[in-house]
Amino acid sequence: METITITKKADPARPLPDHEKLLTAISHSGRWRMLRALCAGEGMTVTQLAEDLGFSVDMSSKHLKVLKDAGLVERKRNRLYVLTTAYQPVPGEPLLDLGHCVLRLDAAD
């Protein structure tokens, strides 16, 4: 198993999400899958996420609300959801640095 070491200092301009909201947001495998899909950098609609992940539109909306309340995603024009700018990963890097923790999103479900 490959070990990943991150040795960068905390960015004072990057907000830290609320601990409780963050833990709620990342406590469901479906929301991890949504974060992984959004890590690609392309905005996606609720319907696109539902189709790609095999969820109902209603379930996708509920998951997105939890992620949005935690400050991890935001809704842009044309109802496209994207990762919040502060948490955008380096292109091609499946690591989501949330300040409190780093999520490795390339692992299999």
N, C-alpha and C. Protein backbone atom coordinates (compact mmCIF):
# COMPACT_ATOMS: atom_id res chain seq x y z
N MET A 1 0.85 -1.17 0.00
CA MET A 1 0.00 0.00 0.00
C MET A 1 0.90 1.24 0.00
N GLU A 2 0.59 2.16 -0.86
CA GLU A 2 1.36 3.39 -0.99
C GLU A 2 1.05 4.35 0.16
N THR A 3 2.08 4.98 0.70
CA THR A 3 1.90 5.96 1.77
C THR A 3 1.98 7.35 1.17
N ILE A 4 1.03 8.19 1.55
CA ILE A 4 1.02 9.57 1.08
C ILE A 4 1.34 10.47 2.26
N THR A 5 2.34 11.33 2.09
CA THR A 5 2.73 12.26 3.13
C THR A 5 2.46 13.67 2.64
N ILE A 6 1.76 14.43 3.45
CA ILE A 6 1.47 15.82 3.11
C ILE A 6 2.18 16.68 4.14
N THR A 7 3.05 17.56 3.66
CA THR A 7 3.87 18.37 4.57
C THR A 7 3.69 19.86 4.33
N LYS A 8 2.51 20.28 3.96
CA LYS A 8 2.31 21.71 3.76
C LYS A 8 1.70 22.33 5.00
N LYS A 9 1.99 23.60 5.20
CA LYS A 9 1.44 24.32 6.34
C LYS A 9 -0.01 24.70 6.08
N ALA A 10 -0.76 24.87 7.15
CA ALA A 10 -2.15 25.29 7.02
C ALA A 10 -2.21 26.66 6.36
N ASP A 11 -3.12 26.81 5.44
CA ASP A 11 -3.32 28.07 4.74
C ASP A 11 -4.29 28.92 5.55
N PRO A 12 -3.83 30.07 6.08
CA PRO A 12 -4.73 30.89 6.90
C PRO A 12 -5.92 31.44 6.12
N ALA A 13 -5.83 31.49 4.79
CA ALA A 13 -6.93 31.99 3.97
C ALA A 13 -7.99 30.92 3.76
N ARG A 14 -7.65 29.67 4.01
CA ARG A 14 -8.60 28.57 3.82
C ARG A 14 -9.41 28.38 5.09
N PRO A 15 -10.71 28.50 4.98
CA PRO A 15 -11.53 28.32 6.18
C PRO A 15 -11.57 26.85 6.59
N LEU A 16 -11.63 26.63 7.89
CA LEU A 16 -11.81 25.27 8.38
C LEU A 16 -13.30 25.02 8.57
N PRO A 17 -13.79 23.92 8.02
CA PRO A 17 -15.21 23.63 8.21
C PRO A 17 -15.50 23.29 9.67
N ASP A 18 -16.73 23.52 10.08
CA ASP A 18 -17.17 23.15 11.40
C ASP A 18 -16.98 21.65 11.58
N HIS A 19 -16.38 21.24 12.71
CA HIS A 19 -16.08 19.82 12.96
C HIS A 19 -17.32 18.93 12.84
N GLU A 20 -18.38 19.32 13.51
CA GLU A 20 -19.57 18.48 13.53
C GLU A 20 -20.21 18.35 12.15
N LYS A 21 -20.28 19.46 11.43
CA LYS A 21 -20.85 19.41 10.09
C LYS A 21 -19.97 18.61 9.15
N LEU A 22 -18.65 18.75 9.31
CA LEU A 22 -17.72 17.99 8.48
C LEU A 22 -17.88 16.49 8.73
N LEU A 23 -17.93 16.10 10.00
CA LEU A 23 -18.07 14.68 10.32
C LEU A 23 -19.39 14.12 9.79
N THR A 24 -20.44 14.91 9.88
CA THR A 24 -21.73 14.47 9.34
C THR A 24 -21.61 14.31 7.83
N ALA A 25 -20.97 15.27 7.18
CA ALA A 25 -20.87 15.26 5.72
C ALA A 25 -20.08 14.06 5.20
N ILE A 26 -19.02 13.69 5.89
CA ILE A 26 -18.17 12.61 5.36
C ILE A 26 -18.51 11.25 5.97
N SER A 27 -19.57 11.19 6.76
CA SER A 27 -19.92 9.93 7.43
C SER A 27 -20.72 8.97 6.55
N HIS A 28 -21.03 9.36 5.34
CA HIS A 28 -21.85 8.51 4.46
C HIS A 28 -21.07 8.23 3.17
N SER A 29 -21.02 6.97 2.79
CA SER A 29 -20.25 6.60 1.60
C SER A 29 -20.79 7.26 0.33
N GLY A 30 -22.08 7.52 0.28
CA GLY A 30 -22.66 8.19 -0.89
C GLY A 30 -22.13 9.60 -1.05
N ARG A 31 -21.92 10.28 0.06
CA ARG A 31 -21.39 11.65 -0.02
C ARG A 31 -19.91 11.62 -0.41
N TRP A 32 -19.18 10.59 0.01
CA TRP A 32 -17.79 10.44 -0.44
C TRP A 32 -17.77 10.28 -1.95
N ARG A 33 -18.69 9.47 -2.46
CA ARG A 33 -18.76 9.25 -3.91
C ARG A 33 -19.10 10.54 -4.64
N MET A 34 -19.95 11.36 -4.05
CA MET A 34 -20.27 12.67 -4.65
C MET A 34 -19.04 13.57 -4.67
N LEU A 35 -18.32 13.60 -3.56
CA LEU A 35 -17.10 14.41 -3.50
C LEU A 35 -16.10 13.93 -4.55
N ARG A 36 -15.98 12.61 -4.69
CA ARG A 36 -15.06 12.07 -5.70
C ARG A 36 -15.48 12.52 -7.09
N ALA A 37 -16.77 12.46 -7.40
CA ALA A 37 -17.26 12.88 -8.72
C ALA A 37 -16.99 14.36 -8.95
N LEU A 38 -17.17 15.17 -7.92
CA LEU A 38 -16.95 16.61 -8.05
C LEU A 38 -15.48 16.98 -8.07
N CYS A 39 -14.61 16.09 -7.59
CA CYS A 39 -13.16 16.34 -7.60
C CYS A 39 -12.62 16.48 -9.02
N ALA A 40 -13.32 15.93 -9.98
CA ALA A 40 -12.88 16.02 -11.38
C ALA A 40 -12.86 17.47 -11.85
N GLY A 41 -13.58 18.35 -11.13
CA GLY A 41 -13.54 19.77 -11.45
C GLY A 41 -14.69 20.26 -12.29
N GLU A 42 -15.46 19.35 -12.85
CA GLU A 42 -16.61 19.74 -13.67
C GLU A 42 -17.83 19.89 -12.77
N GLY A 43 -18.57 20.97 -12.96
CA GLY A 43 -19.81 21.13 -12.22
C GLY A 43 -20.82 20.09 -12.68
N MET A 44 -21.64 19.64 -11.76
CA MET A 44 -22.65 18.62 -12.08
C MET A 44 -23.99 19.03 -11.48
N THR A 45 -25.05 18.70 -12.17
CA THR A 45 -26.39 18.94 -11.64
C THR A 45 -26.77 17.80 -10.71
N VAL A 46 -27.83 18.03 -9.96
CA VAL A 46 -28.36 16.98 -9.07
C VAL A 46 -28.69 15.74 -9.90
N THR A 47 -29.31 15.95 -11.05
CA THR A 47 -29.70 14.83 -11.91
C THR A 47 -28.50 14.07 -12.43
N GLN A 48 -27.45 14.79 -12.85
CA GLN A 48 -26.24 14.12 -13.32
C GLN A 48 -25.61 13.28 -12.22
N LEU A 49 -25.51 13.85 -11.02
CA LEU A 49 -24.94 13.09 -9.91
C LEU A 49 -25.78 11.87 -9.61
N ALA A 50 -27.10 12.03 -9.62
CA ALA A 50 -27.99 10.89 -9.35
C ALA A 50 -27.77 9.78 -10.36
N GLU A 51 -27.71 10.13 -11.63
CA GLU A 51 -27.52 9.13 -12.68
C GLU A 51 -26.15 8.47 -12.58
N ASP A 52 -25.11 9.26 -12.38
CA ASP A 52 -23.75 8.71 -12.31
C ASP A 52 -23.54 7.80 -11.10
N LEU A 53 -24.21 8.12 -9.99
CA LEU A 53 -23.97 7.39 -8.76
C LEU A 53 -25.05 6.37 -8.43
N GLY A 54 -26.10 6.33 -9.25
CA GLY A 54 -27.17 5.37 -9.02
C GLY A 54 -28.09 5.73 -7.87
N PHE A 55 -28.24 7.02 -7.60
CA PHE A 55 -29.14 7.50 -6.56
C PHE A 55 -30.41 8.03 -7.20
N SER A 56 -31.44 8.20 -6.39
CA SER A 56 -32.61 8.94 -6.86
C SER A 56 -32.24 10.43 -6.82
N VAL A 57 -32.95 11.23 -7.56
CA VAL A 57 -32.71 12.67 -7.55
C VAL A 57 -32.96 13.22 -6.15
N ASP A 58 -34.00 12.71 -5.50
CA ASP A 58 -34.31 13.16 -4.14
C ASP A 58 -33.16 12.85 -3.18
N MET A 59 -32.60 11.65 -3.25
CA MET A 59 -31.49 11.28 -2.37
C MET A 59 -30.25 12.13 -2.69
N SER A 60 -30.00 12.39 -3.96
CA SER A 60 -28.87 13.24 -4.34
C SER A 60 -29.04 14.64 -3.77
N SER A 61 -30.25 15.17 -3.84
CA SER A 61 -30.51 16.50 -3.29
C SER A 61 -30.25 16.53 -1.79
N LYS A 62 -30.68 15.50 -1.09
CA LYS A 62 -30.45 15.44 0.36
C LYS A 62 -28.97 15.37 0.69
N HIS A 63 -28.22 14.56 -0.05
CA HIS A 63 -26.78 14.47 0.19
C HIS A 63 -26.09 15.81 -0.12
N LEU A 64 -26.49 16.44 -1.20
CA LEU A 64 -25.89 17.73 -1.56
C LEU A 64 -26.19 18.79 -0.51
N LYS A 65 -27.35 18.75 0.07
CA LYS A 65 -27.69 19.71 1.12
C LYS A 65 -26.75 19.55 2.31
N VAL A 66 -26.46 18.32 2.70
CA VAL A 66 -25.54 18.07 3.81
C VAL A 66 -24.14 18.59 3.46
N LEU A 67 -23.68 18.31 2.24
CA LEU A 67 -22.36 18.78 1.81
C LEU A 67 -22.32 20.30 1.72
N LYS A 68 -23.41 20.90 1.26
CA LYS A 68 -23.48 22.37 1.16
C LYS A 68 -23.51 23.00 2.55
N ASP A 69 -24.30 22.43 3.47
CA ASP A 69 -24.35 22.95 4.84
C ASP A 69 -22.99 22.89 5.53
N ALA A 70 -22.18 21.90 5.16
CA ALA A 70 -20.84 21.78 5.73
C ALA A 70 -19.84 22.71 5.04
N GLY A 71 -20.26 23.36 3.95
CA GLY A 71 -19.38 24.27 3.24
C GLY A 71 -18.44 23.60 2.26
N LEU A 72 -18.72 22.34 1.91
CA LEU A 72 -17.83 21.60 1.02
C LEU A 72 -18.18 21.77 -0.45
N VAL A 73 -19.45 22.03 -0.73
CA VAL A 73 -19.88 22.26 -2.12
C VAL A 73 -20.69 23.53 -2.17
N GLU A 74 -20.80 24.07 -3.37
CA GLU A 74 -21.62 25.25 -3.59
C GLU A 74 -22.33 25.11 -4.93
N ARG A 75 -23.45 25.80 -5.04
CA ARG A 75 -24.23 25.77 -6.27
C ARG A 75 -23.89 27.00 -7.09
N LYS A 76 -23.54 26.77 -8.33
CA LYS A 76 -23.19 27.84 -9.26
C LYS A 76 -24.34 28.08 -10.24
N ARG A 77 -24.04 28.82 -11.26
CA ARG A 77 -25.03 29.08 -12.32
C ARG A 77 -25.49 27.77 -12.94
N ASN A 78 -26.65 27.81 -13.51
CA ASN A 78 -27.24 26.65 -14.18
C ASN A 78 -27.41 25.46 -13.25
N ARG A 79 -27.52 25.75 -11.95
CA ARG A 79 -27.73 24.71 -10.94
C ARG A 79 -26.65 23.64 -10.93
N LEU A 80 -25.43 24.06 -11.23
CA LEU A 80 -24.29 23.15 -11.20
C LEU A 80 -23.64 23.19 -9.82
N TYR A 81 -23.40 22.02 -9.27
CA TYR A 81 -22.72 21.93 -7.99
C TYR A 81 -21.24 21.67 -8.24
N VAL A 82 -20.40 22.36 -7.46
CA VAL A 82 -18.95 22.21 -7.53
C VAL A 82 -18.40 22.18 -6.12
N LEU A 83 -17.17 21.70 -5.98
CA LEU A 83 -16.50 21.81 -4.69
C LEU A 83 -16.26 23.28 -4.41
N THR A 84 -16.39 23.66 -3.16
CA THR A 84 -16.11 25.03 -2.76
C THR A 84 -14.68 25.37 -3.17
N THR A 85 -14.47 26.57 -3.67
CA THR A 85 -13.17 26.99 -4.18
C THR A 85 -12.03 26.71 -3.21
N ALA A 86 -12.25 26.94 -1.93
CA ALA A 86 -11.19 26.73 -0.94
C ALA A 86 -10.73 25.28 -0.86
N TYR A 87 -11.55 24.35 -1.29
CA TYR A 87 -11.22 22.93 -1.16
C TYR A 87 -10.96 22.24 -2.50
N GLN A 88 -10.84 23.03 -3.57
CA GLN A 88 -10.53 22.44 -4.87
C GLN A 88 -9.19 21.72 -4.81
N PRO A 89 -9.13 20.47 -5.24
CA PRO A 89 -7.85 19.75 -5.22
C PRO A 89 -6.95 20.21 -6.36
N VAL A 90 -5.69 19.86 -6.25
CA VAL A 90 -4.76 20.08 -7.35
C VAL A 90 -5.27 19.22 -8.51
N PRO A 91 -5.33 19.77 -9.73
CA PRO A 91 -5.85 18.98 -10.85
C PRO A 91 -5.15 17.63 -10.98
N GLY A 92 -5.95 16.59 -11.09
CA GLY A 92 -5.42 15.24 -11.22
C GLY A 92 -5.05 14.57 -9.91
N GLU A 93 -5.19 15.28 -8.82
CA GLU A 93 -4.85 14.72 -7.51
C GLU A 93 -6.13 14.43 -6.74
N PRO A 94 -6.38 13.17 -6.43
CA PRO A 94 -7.65 12.80 -5.78
C PRO A 94 -7.63 12.99 -4.27
N LEU A 95 -6.98 14.05 -3.80
CA LEU A 95 -6.92 14.35 -2.37
C LEU A 95 -7.69 15.62 -2.10
N LEU A 96 -8.58 15.56 -1.15
CA LEU A 96 -9.38 16.71 -0.79
C LEU A 96 -8.93 17.16 0.60
N ASP A 97 -8.20 18.27 0.66
CA ASP A 97 -7.65 18.80 1.91
C ASP A 97 -8.69 19.70 2.56
N LEU A 98 -9.25 19.23 3.66
CA LEU A 98 -10.30 19.98 4.36
C LEU A 98 -9.76 20.69 5.59
N GLY A 99 -8.46 20.76 5.73
CA GLY A 99 -7.86 21.43 6.87
C GLY A 99 -7.77 20.54 8.08
N HIS A 100 -8.91 20.04 8.56
CA HIS A 100 -8.93 19.12 9.70
C HIS A 100 -8.44 17.74 9.30
N CYS A 101 -8.69 17.39 8.04
CA CYS A 101 -8.33 16.07 7.53
C CYS A 101 -8.16 16.14 6.03
N VAL A 102 -7.54 15.12 5.49
CA VAL A 102 -7.35 14.99 4.04
C VAL A 102 -8.07 13.72 3.61
N LEU A 103 -8.97 13.85 2.66
CA LEU A 103 -9.68 12.69 2.15
C LEU A 103 -9.00 12.19 0.90
N ARG A 104 -8.71 10.90 0.87
CA ARG A 104 -8.14 10.28 -0.32
C ARG A 104 -9.32 9.66 -1.06
N LEU A 105 -9.68 10.23 -2.19
CA LEU A 105 -10.91 9.86 -2.88
C LEU A 105 -10.71 8.89 -4.04
N ASP A 106 -9.50 8.36 -4.20
CA ASP A 106 -9.28 7.44 -5.31
C ASP A 106 -9.44 5.99 -4.87
N ALA A 107 -9.64 5.75 -3.59
CA ALA A 107 -9.80 4.38 -3.12
C ALA A 107 -11.15 3.84 -3.55
N ALA A 108 -11.20 2.55 -3.77
CA ALA A 108 -12.45 1.90 -4.18
C ALA A 108 -13.46 1.92 -3.04
N ASP A 109 -14.72 1.83 -3.40
CA ASP A 109 -15.81 1.79 -2.41
C ASP A 109 -15.71 0.54 -1.57
